Amino acid sequence: MQPDDLSRHLAPILGDRLIAVEPFPETAGRVRFRREGALDLFRAMRDDLGFRHFSTVAGIDWVDHREAVYVLWSDDAKQYVLLSVDLPAGDPRIESASGIWPSANWHEREAWEMVDLNFDHHPDLRHLLMPDGYTFHPLLRSFKLHEPEELEVKARHV
């Protein structure tokens, strides 16, 4: 599958919610979309184009906005595809993909926890890696590391 094939199939489904389909090395392409088209895109990728395996979702903090990048795999085409969406820094939310691909559940939890991407209608958006009640998102660029003198170092004597 080539980017032109993706574009021909997705353009009628997404309309102006499809921003672009770009070549991306070693993949079927990179689909850039508006968040309002997320569920339609997810369904089309799974049901029409055969991308039935959800590999991951990653979040990137670009300071003025956040980007969510989904990676999908097609067993039939033996290809990956990337789905990319920009989200406003003040409202970094998108519909959860876990209703389409149940395996998205933990990946979305990690992206929420680390980069503060919010997934609407997620069935269980709670901490996965950090302790309950932890209010920081360590992969945000605004996250400040503690100065060395502020850290308490506990030595173990054996």
N, C-alpha and C. Protein backbone atom coordinates (compact mmCIF):
# COMPACT_ATOMS: atom_id res chain seq x y z
N MET A 1 0.85 -1.18 0.00
CA MET A 1 0.00 0.00 0.00
C MET A 1 0.89 1.24 0.00
N GLN A 2 0.51 2.23 -0.76
CA GLN A 2 1.26 3.47 -0.91
C GLN A 2 0.45 4.65 -0.34
N PRO A 3 1.09 5.77 -0.05
CA PRO A 3 0.37 6.95 0.45
C PRO A 3 -0.79 7.38 -0.46
N ASP A 4 -0.60 7.27 -1.78
CA ASP A 4 -1.70 7.64 -2.69
C ASP A 4 -2.92 6.75 -2.49
N ASP A 5 -2.69 5.45 -2.25
CA ASP A 5 -3.79 4.52 -1.99
C ASP A 5 -4.53 4.91 -0.72
N LEU A 6 -3.77 5.23 0.32
CA LEU A 6 -4.38 5.66 1.58
C LEU A 6 -5.21 6.92 1.37
N SER A 7 -4.65 7.87 0.67
CA SER A 7 -5.33 9.14 0.44
C SER A 7 -6.63 8.94 -0.34
N ARG A 8 -6.59 8.13 -1.41
CA ARG A 8 -7.80 7.87 -2.20
C ARG A 8 -8.90 7.24 -1.37
N HIS A 9 -8.51 6.35 -0.46
CA HIS A 9 -9.52 5.68 0.35
C HIS A 9 -10.04 6.58 1.48
N LEU A 10 -9.15 7.32 2.12
CA LEU A 10 -9.53 8.09 3.32
C LEU A 10 -10.18 9.43 3.01
N ALA A 11 -9.84 10.05 1.90
CA ALA A 11 -10.39 11.38 1.58
C ALA A 11 -11.92 11.42 1.58
N PRO A 12 -12.63 10.46 0.96
CA PRO A 12 -14.09 10.53 1.00
C PRO A 12 -14.67 10.28 2.40
N ILE A 13 -13.96 9.53 3.22
CA ILE A 13 -14.44 9.21 4.57
C ILE A 13 -14.23 10.39 5.51
N LEU A 14 -13.06 11.01 5.45
CA LEU A 14 -12.71 12.07 6.40
C LEU A 14 -12.98 13.48 5.89
N GLY A 15 -12.98 13.69 4.60
CA GLY A 15 -13.18 15.04 4.07
C GLY A 15 -12.10 15.97 4.56
N ASP A 16 -12.51 17.14 5.09
CA ASP A 16 -11.52 18.13 5.54
C ASP A 16 -10.86 17.76 6.87
N ARG A 17 -11.26 16.66 7.46
CA ARG A 17 -10.58 16.18 8.68
C ARG A 17 -9.28 15.45 8.34
N LEU A 18 -9.07 15.14 7.06
CA LEU A 18 -7.81 14.58 6.59
C LEU A 18 -6.93 15.74 6.16
N ILE A 19 -5.80 15.91 6.81
CA ILE A 19 -4.88 17.00 6.48
C ILE A 19 -3.98 16.60 5.34
N ALA A 20 -3.34 15.43 5.42
CA ALA A 20 -2.42 14.98 4.38
C ALA A 20 -2.07 13.53 4.61
N VAL A 21 -1.64 12.89 3.55
CA VAL A 21 -1.02 11.57 3.63
C VAL A 21 0.35 11.73 3.00
N GLU A 22 1.36 11.50 3.80
CA GLU A 22 2.74 11.77 3.38
C GLU A 22 3.54 10.47 3.32
N PRO A 23 4.49 10.41 2.42
CA PRO A 23 5.40 9.26 2.43
C PRO A 23 6.20 9.25 3.74
N PHE A 24 6.44 8.07 4.24
CA PHE A 24 7.28 7.91 5.43
C PHE A 24 8.07 6.63 5.21
N PRO A 25 9.39 6.70 5.28
CA PRO A 25 10.23 5.54 4.92
C PRO A 25 9.82 4.25 5.61
N GLU A 26 9.80 3.18 4.83
CA GLU A 26 9.55 1.82 5.32
C GLU A 26 8.13 1.61 5.86
N THR A 27 7.18 2.49 5.53
CA THR A 27 5.80 2.34 5.97
C THR A 27 4.86 2.59 4.80
N ALA A 28 3.56 2.38 5.05
CA ALA A 28 2.54 2.71 4.06
C ALA A 28 2.36 4.22 3.96
N GLY A 29 2.84 4.96 4.94
CA GLY A 29 2.75 6.42 4.93
C GLY A 29 2.40 6.97 6.30
N ARG A 30 2.32 8.28 6.33
CA ARG A 30 1.95 9.00 7.55
C ARG A 30 0.67 9.76 7.26
N VAL A 31 -0.39 9.43 7.99
CA VAL A 31 -1.69 10.07 7.82
C VAL A 31 -1.82 11.16 8.87
N ARG A 32 -1.88 12.42 8.43
CA ARG A 32 -2.08 13.54 9.34
C ARG A 32 -3.56 13.90 9.31
N PHE A 33 -4.18 14.00 10.49
CA PHE A 33 -5.62 14.20 10.56
C PHE A 33 -6.00 15.15 11.69
N ARG A 34 -7.21 15.67 11.63
CA ARG A 34 -7.76 16.49 12.70
C ARG A 34 -8.44 15.57 13.72
N ARG A 35 -8.36 15.95 14.98
CA ARG A 35 -8.86 15.06 16.03
C ARG A 35 -10.34 14.73 15.90
N GLU A 36 -11.11 15.61 15.26
CA GLU A 36 -12.55 15.35 15.10
C GLU A 36 -12.80 14.12 14.21
N GLY A 37 -11.84 13.71 13.44
CA GLY A 37 -12.00 12.55 12.56
C GLY A 37 -11.41 11.27 13.11
N ALA A 38 -11.00 11.28 14.38
CA ALA A 38 -10.27 10.15 14.94
C ALA A 38 -11.02 8.82 14.81
N LEU A 39 -12.24 8.74 15.30
CA LEU A 39 -12.94 7.45 15.29
C LEU A 39 -13.24 6.96 13.88
N ASP A 40 -13.61 7.86 12.97
CA ASP A 40 -13.84 7.45 11.58
C ASP A 40 -12.54 6.93 10.96
N LEU A 41 -11.44 7.60 11.24
CA LEU A 41 -10.15 7.15 10.72
C LEU A 41 -9.77 5.80 11.31
N PHE A 42 -9.91 5.66 12.62
CA PHE A 42 -9.54 4.40 13.26
C PHE A 42 -10.34 3.23 12.67
N ARG A 43 -11.65 3.43 12.52
CA ARG A 43 -12.50 2.35 11.96
C ARG A 43 -12.10 2.02 10.52
N ALA A 44 -11.86 3.05 9.72
CA ALA A 44 -11.47 2.82 8.32
C ALA A 44 -10.13 2.08 8.25
N MET A 45 -9.20 2.44 9.09
CA MET A 45 -7.89 1.78 9.08
C MET A 45 -8.04 0.30 9.45
N ARG A 46 -8.87 0.01 10.43
CA ARG A 46 -9.05 -1.39 10.86
C ARG A 46 -9.94 -2.17 9.89
N ASP A 47 -11.12 -1.64 9.61
CA ASP A 47 -12.13 -2.41 8.88
C ASP A 47 -11.90 -2.43 7.37
N ASP A 48 -11.51 -1.30 6.81
CA ASP A 48 -11.38 -1.21 5.34
C ASP A 48 -9.97 -1.52 4.85
N LEU A 49 -8.97 -1.09 5.60
CA LEU A 49 -7.59 -1.19 5.12
C LEU A 49 -6.78 -2.30 5.78
N GLY A 50 -7.37 -2.99 6.75
CA GLY A 50 -6.73 -4.17 7.32
C GLY A 50 -5.64 -3.93 8.35
N PHE A 51 -5.59 -2.72 8.92
CA PHE A 51 -4.61 -2.45 9.98
C PHE A 51 -5.24 -2.85 11.32
N ARG A 52 -5.17 -4.14 11.60
CA ARG A 52 -5.89 -4.71 12.74
C ARG A 52 -5.05 -4.75 14.02
N HIS A 53 -3.76 -4.48 13.90
CA HIS A 53 -2.89 -4.53 15.08
C HIS A 53 -2.48 -3.12 15.49
N PHE A 54 -2.85 -2.74 16.70
CA PHE A 54 -2.46 -1.46 17.28
C PHE A 54 -1.12 -1.67 17.97
N SER A 55 -0.06 -1.05 17.44
CA SER A 55 1.27 -1.25 18.02
C SER A 55 1.54 -0.32 19.19
N THR A 56 1.26 0.98 19.01
CA THR A 56 1.53 1.93 20.10
C THR A 56 0.93 3.28 19.77
N VAL A 57 0.85 4.12 20.78
CA VAL A 57 0.60 5.55 20.60
C VAL A 57 1.66 6.27 21.42
N ALA A 58 2.27 7.26 20.80
CA ALA A 58 3.30 8.04 21.47
C ALA A 58 2.86 9.49 21.52
N GLY A 59 3.28 10.18 22.56
CA GLY A 59 2.97 11.60 22.68
C GLY A 59 4.24 12.42 22.64
N ILE A 60 4.17 13.56 21.96
CA ILE A 60 5.30 14.48 21.88
C ILE A 60 4.84 15.85 22.33
N ASP A 61 5.58 16.45 23.23
CA ASP A 61 5.29 17.82 23.70
C ASP A 61 6.14 18.78 22.89
N TRP A 62 5.51 19.54 22.01
CA TRP A 62 6.21 20.55 21.21
C TRP A 62 6.08 21.93 21.84
N VAL A 63 5.70 22.01 23.09
CA VAL A 63 5.50 23.20 23.90
C VAL A 63 4.22 23.94 23.49
N ASP A 64 4.13 24.40 22.23
CA ASP A 64 2.93 25.14 21.82
C ASP A 64 1.78 24.20 21.46
N HIS A 65 2.06 22.92 21.26
CA HIS A 65 1.03 21.92 21.01
C HIS A 65 1.61 20.54 21.33
N ARG A 66 0.75 19.56 21.37
CA ARG A 66 1.18 18.17 21.56
C ARG A 66 0.83 17.40 20.31
N GLU A 67 1.57 16.36 20.07
CA GLU A 67 1.31 15.50 18.92
C GLU A 67 1.13 14.07 19.43
N ALA A 68 0.10 13.41 18.93
CA ALA A 68 -0.09 11.99 19.18
C ALA A 68 0.22 11.26 17.89
N VAL A 69 1.06 10.23 17.99
CA VAL A 69 1.44 9.43 16.83
C VAL A 69 1.07 7.98 17.13
N TYR A 70 0.16 7.46 16.31
CA TYR A 70 -0.29 6.07 16.42
C TYR A 70 0.48 5.24 15.40
N VAL A 71 0.85 4.04 15.79
CA VAL A 71 1.51 3.11 14.88
C VAL A 71 0.64 1.86 14.77
N LEU A 72 0.25 1.53 13.55
CA LEU A 72 -0.60 0.38 13.28
C LEU A 72 0.14 -0.59 12.36
N TRP A 73 -0.24 -1.86 12.42
CA TRP A 73 0.37 -2.88 11.57
C TRP A 73 -0.71 -3.66 10.84
N SER A 74 -0.44 -3.97 9.58
CA SER A 74 -1.32 -4.82 8.78
C SER A 74 -0.61 -6.13 8.50
N ASP A 75 -1.19 -7.24 8.96
CA ASP A 75 -0.63 -8.56 8.65
C ASP A 75 -0.75 -8.85 7.16
N ASP A 76 -1.86 -8.42 6.55
CA ASP A 76 -2.07 -8.69 5.12
C ASP A 76 -1.05 -7.96 4.26
N ALA A 77 -0.86 -6.67 4.53
CA ALA A 77 0.06 -5.86 3.72
C ALA A 77 1.51 -5.95 4.20
N LYS A 78 1.70 -6.51 5.41
CA LYS A 78 3.04 -6.56 6.02
C LYS A 78 3.67 -5.17 6.07
N GLN A 79 2.86 -4.22 6.55
CA GLN A 79 3.30 -2.82 6.60
C GLN A 79 2.81 -2.14 7.87
N TYR A 80 3.59 -1.16 8.27
CA TYR A 80 3.17 -0.24 9.31
C TYR A 80 2.57 0.99 8.65
N VAL A 81 1.76 1.71 9.40
CA VAL A 81 1.29 3.03 9.00
C VAL A 81 1.32 3.90 10.24
N LEU A 82 1.58 5.18 10.05
CA LEU A 82 1.58 6.14 11.16
C LEU A 82 0.37 7.05 11.01
N LEU A 83 -0.29 7.32 12.12
CA LEU A 83 -1.38 8.29 12.17
C LEU A 83 -0.93 9.40 13.10
N SER A 84 -1.01 10.64 12.65
CA SER A 84 -0.47 11.75 13.42
C SER A 84 -1.51 12.86 13.56
N VAL A 85 -1.66 13.35 14.79
CA VAL A 85 -2.62 14.43 15.04
C VAL A 85 -1.99 15.44 15.99
N ASP A 86 -2.15 16.72 15.67
CA ASP A 86 -1.71 17.80 16.56
C ASP A 86 -2.86 18.19 17.46
N LEU A 87 -2.55 18.36 18.74
CA LEU A 87 -3.55 18.72 19.75
C LEU A 87 -3.12 20.00 20.43
N PRO A 88 -4.05 20.92 20.70
CA PRO A 88 -3.66 22.16 21.36
C PRO A 88 -3.09 21.88 22.75
N ALA A 89 -2.07 22.62 23.13
CA ALA A 89 -1.44 22.42 24.44
C ALA A 89 -2.44 22.66 25.58
N GLY A 90 -3.38 23.58 25.38
CA GLY A 90 -4.36 23.87 26.42
C GLY A 90 -5.50 22.87 26.50
N ASP A 91 -5.64 22.00 25.51
CA ASP A 91 -6.72 21.01 25.47
C ASP A 91 -6.25 19.78 24.69
N PRO A 92 -5.26 19.06 25.24
CA PRO A 92 -4.68 17.93 24.50
C PRO A 92 -5.52 16.66 24.63
N ARG A 93 -6.67 16.64 23.96
CA ARG A 93 -7.55 15.49 24.09
C ARG A 93 -7.98 14.98 22.73
N ILE A 94 -8.27 13.67 22.71
CA ILE A 94 -8.73 12.98 21.50
C ILE A 94 -9.53 11.78 21.95
N GLU A 95 -10.38 11.27 21.07
CA GLU A 95 -11.16 10.08 21.40
C GLU A 95 -10.23 8.88 21.60
N SER A 96 -10.60 8.03 22.52
CA SER A 96 -9.82 6.82 22.78
C SER A 96 -9.96 5.84 21.62
N ALA A 97 -8.86 5.18 21.29
CA ALA A 97 -8.88 4.14 20.26
C ALA A 97 -9.16 2.76 20.86
N SER A 98 -9.34 2.69 22.18
CA SER A 98 -9.49 1.39 22.83
C SER A 98 -10.81 0.68 22.48
N GLY A 99 -11.81 1.41 22.01
CA GLY A 99 -13.04 0.77 21.55
C GLY A 99 -12.85 0.10 20.19
N ILE A 100 -11.88 0.54 19.43
CA ILE A 100 -11.57 -0.03 18.12
C ILE A 100 -10.52 -1.13 18.27
N TRP A 101 -9.46 -0.81 18.99
CA TRP A 101 -8.39 -1.77 19.28
C TRP A 101 -8.25 -1.86 20.80
N PRO A 102 -8.73 -2.92 21.43
CA PRO A 102 -8.61 -3.03 22.90
C PRO A 102 -7.17 -2.90 23.40
N SER A 103 -6.20 -3.26 22.59
CA SER A 103 -4.80 -3.17 23.03
C SER A 103 -4.34 -1.72 23.20
N ALA A 104 -5.12 -0.75 22.73
CA ALA A 104 -4.76 0.66 22.91
C ALA A 104 -4.88 1.09 24.37
N ASN A 105 -5.60 0.33 25.16
CA ASN A 105 -5.88 0.70 26.55
C ASN A 105 -4.63 1.10 27.31
N TRP A 106 -3.66 0.24 27.43
CA TRP A 106 -2.48 0.54 28.24
C TRP A 106 -1.59 1.58 27.57
N HIS A 107 -1.52 1.56 26.25
CA HIS A 107 -0.70 2.55 25.55
C HIS A 107 -1.24 3.97 25.80
N GLU A 108 -2.56 4.11 25.78
CA GLU A 108 -3.16 5.42 26.04
C GLU A 108 -2.95 5.83 27.49
N ARG A 109 -3.02 4.88 28.39
CA ARG A 109 -2.76 5.20 29.80
C ARG A 109 -1.35 5.74 29.98
N GLU A 110 -0.39 5.13 29.30
CA GLU A 110 0.99 5.59 29.41
C GLU A 110 1.16 6.98 28.79
N ALA A 111 0.55 7.22 27.64
CA ALA A 111 0.65 8.53 26.99
C ALA A 111 -0.01 9.61 27.85
N TRP A 112 -1.10 9.29 28.50
CA TRP A 112 -1.75 10.24 29.42
C TRP A 112 -0.84 10.54 30.60
N GLU A 113 -0.28 9.50 31.16
CA GLU A 113 0.53 9.64 32.35
C GLU A 113 1.84 10.40 32.09
N MET A 114 2.48 10.12 30.98
CA MET A 114 3.79 10.70 30.69
C MET A 114 3.71 12.08 30.04
N VAL A 115 2.75 12.28 29.10
CA VAL A 115 2.72 13.50 28.29
C VAL A 115 1.41 14.26 28.43
N ASP A 116 0.52 13.82 29.29
CA ASP A 116 -0.76 14.50 29.54
C ASP A 116 -1.64 14.58 28.29
N LEU A 117 -1.68 13.48 27.51
CA LEU A 117 -2.67 13.37 26.44
C LEU A 117 -3.92 12.77 27.06
N ASN A 118 -5.05 13.39 26.84
CA ASN A 118 -6.30 12.91 27.43
C ASN A 118 -7.12 12.18 26.37
N PHE A 119 -7.58 10.99 26.70
CA PHE A 119 -8.32 10.15 25.77
C PHE A 119 -9.77 10.05 26.23
N ASP A 120 -10.64 10.76 25.50
CA ASP A 120 -12.06 10.77 25.85
C ASP A 120 -12.65 9.37 25.72
N HIS A 121 -13.50 9.03 26.66
CA HIS A 121 -14.22 7.75 26.71
C HIS A 121 -13.28 6.55 26.89
N HIS A 122 -12.10 6.79 27.45
CA HIS A 122 -11.21 5.67 27.77
C HIS A 122 -11.85 4.89 28.92
N PRO A 123 -11.84 3.56 28.87
CA PRO A 123 -12.54 2.78 29.90
C PRO A 123 -11.86 2.76 31.26
N ASP A 124 -10.59 3.13 31.36
CA ASP A 124 -9.88 2.98 32.64
C ASP A 124 -8.64 3.87 32.66
N LEU A 125 -8.83 5.18 32.52
CA LEU A 125 -7.69 6.09 32.45
C LEU A 125 -7.18 6.38 33.87
N ARG A 126 -6.23 5.58 34.30
CA ARG A 126 -5.62 5.74 35.61
C ARG A 126 -4.15 5.44 35.49
N HIS A 127 -3.41 5.71 36.55
CA HIS A 127 -1.96 5.54 36.52
C HIS A 127 -1.57 4.10 36.22
N LEU A 128 -0.53 4.01 35.42
CA LEU A 128 0.01 2.72 35.04
C LEU A 128 1.43 2.56 35.58
N LEU A 129 2.23 3.63 35.46
CA LEU A 129 3.64 3.58 35.86
C LEU A 129 3.93 4.38 37.13
N MET A 130 3.23 5.46 37.32
CA MET A 130 3.46 6.34 38.48
C MET A 130 2.50 5.98 39.61
N PRO A 131 2.83 6.38 40.83
CA PRO A 131 1.94 6.08 41.95
C PRO A 131 0.60 6.82 41.82
N ASP A 132 -0.44 6.24 42.37
CA ASP A 132 -1.74 6.91 42.39
C ASP A 132 -1.60 8.26 43.07
N GLY A 133 -2.27 9.25 42.51
CA GLY A 133 -2.20 10.59 43.07
C GLY A 133 -1.05 11.43 42.53
N TYR A 134 -0.17 10.84 41.74
CA TYR A 134 0.94 11.58 41.16
C TYR A 134 0.37 12.56 40.14
N THR A 135 0.69 13.84 40.29
CA THR A 135 0.04 14.86 39.47
C THR A 135 0.93 15.42 38.36
N PHE A 136 2.14 14.94 38.23
CA PHE A 136 3.06 15.46 37.23
C PHE A 136 3.10 14.56 36.00
N HIS A 137 3.53 15.11 34.90
CA HIS A 137 3.68 14.37 33.65
C HIS A 137 5.15 14.50 33.23
N PRO A 138 5.98 13.50 33.56
CA PRO A 138 7.42 13.64 33.47
C PRO A 138 7.99 13.91 32.07
N LEU A 139 7.27 13.63 31.00
CA LEU A 139 7.82 13.87 29.68
C LEU A 139 7.36 15.19 29.06
N LEU A 140 6.66 16.00 29.84
CA LEU A 140 6.35 17.36 29.38
C LEU A 140 7.61 18.22 29.51
N ARG A 141 7.81 19.08 28.56
CA ARG A 141 8.99 19.95 28.62
C ARG A 141 8.92 20.92 29.79
N SER A 142 7.74 21.17 30.30
CA SER A 142 7.58 22.06 31.45
C SER A 142 7.92 21.36 32.77
N PHE A 143 8.10 20.05 32.75
CA PHE A 143 8.42 19.30 33.95
C PHE A 143 9.85 19.64 34.37
N LYS A 144 9.99 20.13 35.57
CA LYS A 144 11.31 20.54 36.07
C LYS A 144 11.89 19.43 36.94
N LEU A 145 13.10 19.05 36.60
CA LEU A 145 13.80 18.07 37.44
C LEU A 145 14.25 18.76 38.72
N HIS A 146 14.34 18.01 39.76
CA HIS A 146 14.83 18.56 41.02
C HIS A 146 16.32 18.84 40.91
N GLU A 147 16.74 19.89 41.57
CA GLU A 147 18.16 20.17 41.65
C GLU A 147 18.80 19.09 42.52
N PRO A 148 20.03 18.72 42.25
CA PRO A 148 20.66 17.63 43.00
C PRO A 148 20.63 17.83 44.51
N GLU A 149 20.79 19.08 44.97
CA GLU A 149 20.81 19.28 46.41
C GLU A 149 19.43 19.09 47.05
N GLU A 150 18.37 19.11 46.23
CA GLU A 150 17.03 18.92 46.76
C GLU A 150 16.65 17.46 46.89
N LEU A 151 17.39 16.58 46.24
CA LEU A 151 17.06 15.16 46.26
C LEU A 151 17.60 14.52 47.53
N GLU A 152 16.79 13.69 48.12
CA GLU A 152 17.24 12.93 49.28
C GLU A 152 17.80 11.61 48.77
N VAL A 153 19.05 11.35 49.06
CA VAL A 153 19.68 10.13 48.63
C VAL A 153 19.77 9.20 49.83
N LYS A 154 19.19 8.03 49.68
CA LYS A 154 19.22 7.05 50.76
C LYS A 154 20.25 5.98 50.40
N ALA A 155 21.23 5.85 51.23
CA ALA A 155 22.28 4.83 51.00
C ALA A 155 21.90 3.55 51.68
N ARG A 156 22.18 2.49 51.01
CA ARG A 156 21.93 1.17 51.60
C ARG A 156 23.25 0.62 52.09
N HIS A 157 23.30 0.28 53.34
CA HIS A 157 24.53 -0.29 53.91
C HIS A 157 24.34 -1.79 54.01
N VAL A 158 25.24 -2.50 53.40
CA VAL A 158 25.10 -3.96 53.39
C VAL A 158 26.10 -4.57 54.33
